Full PDB file with SEQRES, HELIX, SHEET, SSBOND, CRYST1, ORIGX, SCALE, CONECT and MASTER records, all heavy atoms in Angstrom:
SEQRES   1 A   29  LEU ILE ASP VAL ASN ALA LEU GLU THR MET PRO PRO GLU          
SEQRES   2 A   29  GLY SER VAL ALA ILE TYR GLU THR ALA CYS LEU LEU GLU          
SEQRES   3 A   29  HIS SER CYS                                                  
HELIX    1 AA1 ILE A    2  ASN A    5  1                                   4    
HELIX    2 AA2 ALA A   22  LEU A   24  5                                   3    
CRYST1    1.000    1.000    1.000  90.00  90.00  90.00 P 1           1          
ORIGX1      1.000000  0.000000  0.000000        0.00000                         
ORIGX2      0.000000  1.000000  0.000000        0.00000                         
ORIGX3      0.000000  0.000000  1.000000        0.00000                         
SCALE1      1.000000  0.000000  0.000000        0.00000                         
SCALE2      0.000000  1.000000  0.000000        0.00000                         
SCALE3      0.000000  0.000000  1.000000        0.00000                         
ATOM      1  N   LEU A   1       0.842  -1.175   0.015  1.00  0.00           N  
ATOM      2  CA  LEU A   1       0.006  -0.006   0.011  1.00  0.00           C  
ATOM      3  C   LEU A   1       0.820   1.273  -0.006  1.00  0.00           C  
ATOM      4  O   LEU A   1       0.561   2.226  -0.706  1.00  0.00           O  
ATOM      5  CB  LEU A   1      -0.901   0.003   1.229  1.00  0.00           C  
ATOM      6  CG  LEU A   1      -2.098  -0.985   1.220  1.00  0.00           C  
ATOM      7  CD1 LEU A   1      -2.742  -1.048   2.575  1.00  0.00           C  
ATOM      8  CD2 LEU A   1      -3.108  -0.572   0.096  1.00  0.00           C  
ATOM      9  N   ILE A   2       1.943   1.209   0.772  1.00  0.00           N  
ATOM     10  CA  ILE A   2       2.863   2.394   0.855  1.00  0.00           C  
ATOM     11  C   ILE A   2       3.562   2.603  -0.486  1.00  0.00           C  
ATOM     12  O   ILE A   2       3.607   3.669  -1.040  1.00  0.00           O  
ATOM     13  CB  ILE A   2       3.874   2.212   1.950  1.00  0.00           C  
ATOM     14  CG1 ILE A   2       3.107   2.219   3.325  1.00  0.00           C  
ATOM     15  CG2 ILE A   2       4.875   3.362   1.945  1.00  0.00           C  
ATOM     16  CD1 ILE A   2       4.042   1.853   4.549  1.00  0.00           C  
ATOM     17  N   ASP A   3       4.228   1.504  -1.024  1.00  0.00           N  
ATOM     18  CA  ASP A   3       4.987   1.613  -2.278  1.00  0.00           C  
ATOM     19  C   ASP A   3       4.113   2.099  -3.450  1.00  0.00           C  
ATOM     20  O   ASP A   3       4.587   2.867  -4.275  1.00  0.00           O  
ATOM     21  CB  ASP A   3       5.641   0.311  -2.578  1.00  0.00           C  
ATOM     22  CG  ASP A   3       6.903   0.010  -1.771  1.00  0.00           C  
ATOM     23  OD1 ASP A   3       7.412   1.029  -1.180  1.00  0.00           O  
ATOM     24  OD2 ASP A   3       7.330  -1.123  -1.720  1.00  0.00           O  
ATOM     25  N   VAL A   4       2.926   1.574  -3.478  1.00  0.00           N  
ATOM     26  CA  VAL A   4       2.045   1.867  -4.643  1.00  0.00           C  
ATOM     27  C   VAL A   4       1.341   3.215  -4.610  1.00  0.00           C  
ATOM     28  O   VAL A   4       1.128   3.864  -5.561  1.00  0.00           O  
ATOM     29  CB  VAL A   4       1.056   0.708  -4.867  1.00  0.00           C  
ATOM     30  CG1 VAL A   4       0.059   0.999  -5.996  1.00  0.00           C  
ATOM     31  CG2 VAL A   4       1.779  -0.652  -5.162  1.00  0.00           C  
ATOM     32  N   ASN A   5       0.990   3.606  -3.341  1.00  0.00           N  
ATOM     33  CA  ASN A   5       0.109   4.802  -3.197  1.00  0.00           C  
ATOM     34  C   ASN A   5       0.650   6.002  -2.559  1.00  0.00           C  
ATOM     35  O   ASN A   5       0.079   7.084  -2.708  1.00  0.00           O  
ATOM     36  CB  ASN A   5      -1.181   4.295  -2.426  1.00  0.00           C  
ATOM     37  CG  ASN A   5      -1.903   3.222  -3.074  1.00  0.00           C  
ATOM     38  OD1 ASN A   5      -2.631   3.431  -4.045  1.00  0.00           O  
ATOM     39  ND2 ASN A   5      -1.755   2.012  -2.545  1.00  0.00           N  
ATOM     40  N   ALA A   6       1.809   5.901  -1.810  1.00  0.00           N  
ATOM     41  CA  ALA A   6       2.235   6.998  -1.031  1.00  0.00           C  
ATOM     42  C   ALA A   6       2.835   8.161  -1.902  1.00  0.00           C  
ATOM     43  O   ALA A   6       3.537   7.827  -2.873  1.00  0.00           O  
ATOM     44  CB  ALA A   6       3.222   6.506  -0.008  1.00  0.00           C  
ATOM     45  N   LEU A   7       2.566   9.327  -1.527  1.00  0.00           N  
ATOM     46  CA  LEU A   7       3.140  10.517  -2.244  1.00  0.00           C  
ATOM     47  C   LEU A   7       4.087  11.223  -1.287  1.00  0.00           C  
ATOM     48  O   LEU A   7       3.871  11.365  -0.071  1.00  0.00           O  
ATOM     49  CB  LEU A   7       2.017  11.522  -2.560  1.00  0.00           C  
ATOM     50  CG  LEU A   7       0.969  11.063  -3.538  1.00  0.00           C  
ATOM     51  CD1 LEU A   7      -0.139  12.096  -3.681  1.00  0.00           C  
ATOM     52  CD2 LEU A   7       1.562  10.820  -4.940  1.00  0.00           C  
ATOM     53  N   GLU A   8       5.256  11.654  -1.880  1.00  0.00           N  
ATOM     54  CA  GLU A   8       6.219  12.410  -1.112  1.00  0.00           C  
ATOM     55  C   GLU A   8       5.630  13.807  -0.749  1.00  0.00           C  
ATOM     56  O   GLU A   8       5.038  14.439  -1.617  1.00  0.00           O  
ATOM     57  CB  GLU A   8       7.517  12.629  -1.841  1.00  0.00           C  
ATOM     58  CG  GLU A   8       8.272  11.311  -2.122  1.00  0.00           C  
ATOM     59  CD  GLU A   8       9.554  11.549  -2.899  1.00  0.00           C  
ATOM     60  OE1 GLU A   8       9.882  12.746  -3.173  1.00  0.00           O  
ATOM     61  OE2 GLU A   8      10.253  10.569  -3.210  1.00  0.00           O  
ATOM     62  N   THR A   9       5.779  14.211   0.491  1.00  0.00           N  
ATOM     63  CA  THR A   9       5.182  15.511   0.949  1.00  0.00           C  
ATOM     64  C   THR A   9       6.295  16.570   1.045  1.00  0.00           C  
ATOM     65  O   THR A   9       7.401  16.344   1.305  1.00  0.00           O  
ATOM     66  CB  THR A   9       4.486  15.358   2.237  1.00  0.00           C  
ATOM     67  OG1 THR A   9       5.446  14.988   3.249  1.00  0.00           O  
ATOM     68  CG2 THR A   9       3.356  14.364   2.211  1.00  0.00           C  
ATOM     69  N   MET A  10       5.818  17.821   0.842  1.00  0.00           N  
ATOM     70  CA  MET A  10       6.724  18.987   1.071  1.00  0.00           C  
ATOM     71  C   MET A  10       5.848  20.194   1.233  1.00  0.00           C  
ATOM     72  O   MET A  10       5.337  20.786   0.307  1.00  0.00           O  
ATOM     73  CB  MET A  10       7.611  19.172  -0.237  1.00  0.00           C  
ATOM     74  CG  MET A  10       8.396  20.431  -0.185  1.00  0.00           C  
ATOM     75  SD  MET A  10       9.736  20.481   0.966  1.00  0.00           S  
ATOM     76  CE  MET A  10      11.038  19.728  -0.036  1.00  0.00           C  
ATOM     77  N   PRO A  11       5.642  20.638   2.492  1.00  0.00           N  
ATOM     78  CA  PRO A  11       6.157  20.077   3.743  1.00  0.00           C  
ATOM     79  C   PRO A  11       5.309  18.963   4.290  1.00  0.00           C  
ATOM     80  O   PRO A  11       4.188  18.793   3.814  1.00  0.00           O  
ATOM     81  CB  PRO A  11       6.118  21.255   4.713  1.00  0.00           C  
ATOM     82  CG  PRO A  11       4.953  22.074   4.193  1.00  0.00           C  
ATOM     83  CD  PRO A  11       4.883  21.872   2.720  1.00  0.00           C  
ATOM     84  N   PRO A  12       5.782  18.216   5.334  1.00  0.00           N  
ATOM     85  CA  PRO A  12       7.114  18.188   5.805  1.00  0.00           C  
ATOM     86  C   PRO A  12       8.046  17.390   4.902  1.00  0.00           C  
ATOM     87  O   PRO A  12       7.623  16.418   4.270  1.00  0.00           O  
ATOM     88  CB  PRO A  12       7.005  17.532   7.161  1.00  0.00           C  
ATOM     89  CG  PRO A  12       5.883  16.555   7.018  1.00  0.00           C  
ATOM     90  CD  PRO A  12       4.944  17.245   6.121  1.00  0.00           C  
ATOM     91  N   GLU A  13       9.298  17.775   4.774  1.00  0.00           N  
ATOM     92  CA  GLU A  13      10.216  17.114   3.872  1.00  0.00           C  
ATOM     93  C   GLU A  13      10.657  15.774   4.572  1.00  0.00           C  
ATOM     94  O   GLU A  13      10.819  15.713   5.786  1.00  0.00           O  
ATOM     95  CB  GLU A  13      11.470  17.983   3.674  1.00  0.00           C  
ATOM     96  CG  GLU A  13      12.487  17.367   2.813  1.00  0.00           C  
ATOM     97  CD  GLU A  13      13.756  18.314   2.604  1.00  0.00           C  
ATOM     98  OE1 GLU A  13      13.690  19.406   3.194  1.00  0.00           O  
ATOM     99  OE2 GLU A  13      14.660  17.867   1.932  1.00  0.00           O  
ATOM    100  N   GLY A  14      10.765  14.771   3.754  1.00  0.00           N  
ATOM    101  CA  GLY A  14      11.194  13.469   4.281  1.00  0.00           C  
ATOM    102  C   GLY A  14      10.059  12.520   4.616  1.00  0.00           C  
ATOM    103  O   GLY A  14      10.308  11.355   4.950  1.00  0.00           O  
ATOM    104  N   SER A  15       8.803  12.960   4.505  1.00  0.00           N  
ATOM    105  CA  SER A  15       7.673  12.099   4.805  1.00  0.00           C  
ATOM    106  C   SER A  15       6.857  11.790   3.547  1.00  0.00           C  
ATOM    107  O   SER A  15       7.053  12.404   2.474  1.00  0.00           O  
ATOM    108  CB  SER A  15       6.740  12.816   5.828  1.00  0.00           C  
ATOM    109  OG  SER A  15       7.301  12.919   7.073  1.00  0.00           O  
ATOM    110  N   VAL A  16       6.019  10.757   3.636  1.00  0.00           N  
ATOM    111  CA  VAL A  16       5.092  10.396   2.595  1.00  0.00           C  
ATOM    112  C   VAL A  16       3.719  10.300   3.200  1.00  0.00           C  
ATOM    113  O   VAL A  16       3.566  10.122   4.429  1.00  0.00           O  
ATOM    114  CB  VAL A  16       5.476   9.094   1.882  1.00  0.00           C  
ATOM    115  CG1 VAL A  16       6.825   9.232   1.206  1.00  0.00           C  
ATOM    116  CG2 VAL A  16       5.502   7.954   2.871  1.00  0.00           C  
ATOM    117  N   ALA A  17       2.691  10.379   2.381  1.00  0.00           N  
ATOM    118  CA  ALA A  17       1.314  10.278   2.856  1.00  0.00           C  
ATOM    119  C   ALA A  17       0.476   9.518   1.825  1.00  0.00           C  
ATOM    120  O   ALA A  17       0.724   9.554   0.652  1.00  0.00           O  
ATOM    121  CB  ALA A  17       0.779  11.693   3.081  1.00  0.00           C  
ATOM    122  N   ILE A  18      -0.578   8.885   2.348  1.00  0.00           N  
ATOM    123  CA  ILE A  18      -1.528   8.132   1.489  1.00  0.00           C  
ATOM    124  C   ILE A  18      -2.899   8.875   1.629  1.00  0.00           C  
ATOM    125  O   ILE A  18      -3.406   9.059   2.739  1.00  0.00           O  
ATOM    126  CB  ILE A  18      -1.664   6.654   1.894  1.00  0.00           C  
ATOM    127  CG1 ILE A  18      -0.298   5.934   1.846  1.00  0.00           C  
ATOM    128  CG2 ILE A  18      -2.673   5.984   1.007  1.00  0.00           C  
ATOM    129  CD1 ILE A  18      -0.338   4.511   2.230  1.00  0.00           C  
ATOM    130  N   TYR A  19      -3.434   9.231   0.457  1.00  0.00           N  
ATOM    131  CA  TYR A  19      -4.728   9.950   0.419  1.00  0.00           C  
ATOM    132  C   TYR A  19      -5.817   9.101  -0.202  1.00  0.00           C  
ATOM    133  O   TYR A  19      -5.526   8.376  -1.160  1.00  0.00           O  
ATOM    134  CB  TYR A  19      -4.513  11.282  -0.363  1.00  0.00           C  
ATOM    135  CG  TYR A  19      -3.554  12.177   0.281  1.00  0.00           C  
ATOM    136  CD1 TYR A  19      -2.122  12.099  -0.041  1.00  0.00           C  
ATOM    137  CD2 TYR A  19      -3.949  13.164   1.141  1.00  0.00           C  
ATOM    138  CE1 TYR A  19      -1.223  12.954   0.605  1.00  0.00           C  
ATOM    139  CE2 TYR A  19      -3.038  14.043   1.761  1.00  0.00           C  
ATOM    140  CZ  TYR A  19      -1.722  13.951   1.470  1.00  0.00           C  
ATOM    141  OH  TYR A  19      -0.784  14.764   2.050  1.00  0.00           O  
ATOM    142  N   GLU A  20      -6.967   9.248   0.251  1.00  0.00           N  
ATOM    143  CA  GLU A  20      -8.114   8.395  -0.207  1.00  0.00           C  
ATOM    144  C   GLU A  20      -8.466   8.663  -1.645  1.00  0.00           C  
ATOM    145  O   GLU A  20      -8.667   7.679  -2.393  1.00  0.00           O  
ATOM    146  CB  GLU A  20      -9.328   8.641   0.663  1.00  0.00           C  
ATOM    147  CG  GLU A  20     -10.507   7.722   0.338  1.00  0.00           C  
ATOM    148  CD  GLU A  20     -11.615   7.792   1.340  1.00  0.00           C  
ATOM    149  OE1 GLU A  20     -11.601   8.725   2.133  1.00  0.00           O  
ATOM    150  OE2 GLU A  20     -12.503   6.975   1.290  1.00  0.00           O  
ATOM    151  N   THR A  21      -8.438   9.893  -2.070  1.00  0.00           N  
ATOM    152  CA  THR A  21      -8.858  10.240  -3.454  1.00  0.00           C  
ATOM    153  C   THR A  21      -7.687  10.604  -4.361  1.00  0.00           C  
ATOM    154  O   THR A  21      -7.573  10.225  -5.488  1.00  0.00           O  
ATOM    155  CB  THR A  21      -9.905  11.385  -3.435  1.00  0.00           C  
ATOM    156  OG1 THR A  21     -10.992  11.018  -2.582  1.00  0.00           O  
ATOM    157  CG2 THR A  21     -10.409  11.655  -4.839  1.00  0.00           C  
ATOM    158  N   ALA A  22      -6.758  11.423  -3.842  1.00  0.00           N  
ATOM    159  CA  ALA A  22      -5.654  11.880  -4.623  1.00  0.00           C  
ATOM    160  C   ALA A  22      -4.859  10.722  -5.184  1.00  0.00           C  
ATOM    161  O   ALA A  22      -4.291  10.821  -6.288  1.00  0.00           O  
ATOM    162  CB  ALA A  22      -4.733  12.807  -3.842  1.00  0.00           C  
ATOM    163  N   CYS A  23      -4.753   9.627  -4.486  1.00  0.00           N  
ATOM    164  CA  CYS A  23      -3.948   8.477  -4.993  1.00  0.00           C  
ATOM    165  C   CYS A  23      -4.669   7.759  -6.146  1.00  0.00           C  
ATOM    166  O   CYS A  23      -4.060   6.855  -6.726  1.00  0.00           O  
ATOM    167  CB  CYS A  23      -3.651   7.503  -3.878  1.00  0.00           C  
ATOM    168  SG  CYS A  23      -5.099   6.591  -3.261  1.00  0.00           S  
ATOM    169  N   LEU A  24      -5.890   8.154  -6.510  1.00  0.00           N  
ATOM    170  CA  LEU A  24      -6.554   7.573  -7.598  1.00  0.00           C  
ATOM    171  C   LEU A  24      -6.264   8.308  -8.922  1.00  0.00           C  
ATOM    172  O   LEU A  24      -6.655   7.895 -10.022  1.00  0.00           O  
ATOM    173  CB  LEU A  24      -8.101   7.617  -7.393  1.00  0.00           C  
ATOM    174  CG  LEU A  24      -8.614   6.871  -6.188  1.00  0.00           C  
ATOM    175  CD1 LEU A  24     -10.155   6.910  -6.133  1.00  0.00           C  
ATOM    176  CD2 LEU A  24      -8.143   5.385  -6.258  1.00  0.00           C  
ATOM    177  N   LEU A  25      -5.507   9.427  -8.777  1.00  0.00           N  
ATOM    178  CA  LEU A  25      -4.990  10.102 -10.018  1.00  0.00           C  
ATOM    179  C   LEU A  25      -4.117   9.158 -10.797  1.00  0.00           C  
ATOM    180  O   LEU A  25      -3.143   8.649 -10.243  1.00  0.00           O  
ATOM    181  CB  LEU A  25      -4.209  11.383  -9.675  1.00  0.00           C  
ATOM    182  CG  LEU A  25      -5.037  12.523  -9.073  1.00  0.00           C  
ATOM    183  CD1 LEU A  25      -4.079  13.536  -8.425  1.00  0.00           C  
ATOM    184  CD2 LEU A  25      -5.844  13.186 -10.133  1.00  0.00           C  
ATOM    185  N   GLU A  26      -4.382   8.894 -12.066  1.00  0.00           N  
ATOM    186  CA  GLU A  26      -3.620   7.944 -12.804  1.00  0.00           C  
ATOM    187  C   GLU A  26      -2.309   8.572 -13.309  1.00  0.00           C  
ATOM    188  O   GLU A  26      -2.150   9.830 -13.346  1.00  0.00           O  
ATOM    189  CB  GLU A  26      -4.376   7.365 -13.960  1.00  0.00           C  
ATOM    190  CG  GLU A  26      -4.796   8.406 -15.061  1.00  0.00           C  
ATOM    191  CD  GLU A  26      -5.797   7.879 -16.016  1.00  0.00           C  
ATOM    192  OE1 GLU A  26      -6.987   7.838 -15.647  1.00  0.00           O  
ATOM    193  OE2 GLU A  26      -5.361   7.542 -17.147  1.00  0.00           O  
ATOM    194  N   HIS A  27      -1.354   7.764 -13.697  1.00  0.00           N  
ATOM    195  CA  HIS A  27      -0.059   8.255 -14.137  1.00  0.00           C  
ATOM    196  C   HIS A  27      -0.175   8.663 -15.619  1.00  0.00           C  
ATOM    197  O   HIS A  27      -0.755   8.010 -16.422  1.00  0.00           O  
ATOM    198  CB  HIS A  27       1.014   7.237 -14.008  1.00  0.00           C  
ATOM    199  CG  HIS A  27       2.276   7.533 -14.801  1.00  0.00           C  
ATOM    200  ND1 HIS A  27       3.204   8.408 -14.303  1.00  0.00           N  
ATOM    201  CD2 HIS A  27       2.673   7.181 -15.998  1.00  0.00           C  
ATOM    202  CE1 HIS A  27       4.194   8.576 -15.134  1.00  0.00           C  
ATOM    203  NE2 HIS A  27       3.929   7.822 -16.216  1.00  0.00           N  
ATOM    204  N   SER A  28       0.510   9.787 -15.952  1.00  0.00           N  
ATOM    205  CA  SER A  28       0.743  10.166 -17.341  1.00  0.00           C  
ATOM    206  C   SER A  28       2.047  10.948 -17.376  1.00  0.00           C  
ATOM    207  O   SER A  28       2.307  11.782 -16.466  1.00  0.00           O  
ATOM    208  CB  SER A  28      -0.360  11.005 -17.939  1.00  0.00           C  
ATOM    209  OG  SER A  28      -0.010  11.526 -19.214  1.00  0.00           O  
ATOM    210  N   CYS A  29       2.901  10.731 -18.380  1.00  0.00           N  
ATOM    211  CA  CYS A  29       4.121  11.462 -18.485  1.00  0.00           C  
ATOM    212  C   CYS A  29       3.889  12.930 -18.988  1.00  0.00           C  
ATOM    213  O   CYS A  29       4.814  13.752 -19.063  1.00  0.00           O  
ATOM    214  CB  CYS A  29       5.135  10.771 -19.397  1.00  0.00           C  
ATOM    215  SG  CYS A  29       5.564   9.122 -18.852  1.00  0.00           S  
TER     216      CYS A  29                                                      
MASTER        0    0    0    2    0    0    0    6  215    1    0    3          
END                                                                             
């Protein structure tokens, strides 16, 4: 769950967070 969904935060620097809806944003280059 962490590897697939967590986003690096800034702030705070050095942490990651998992969000219920934001993590559903799909990837695009």
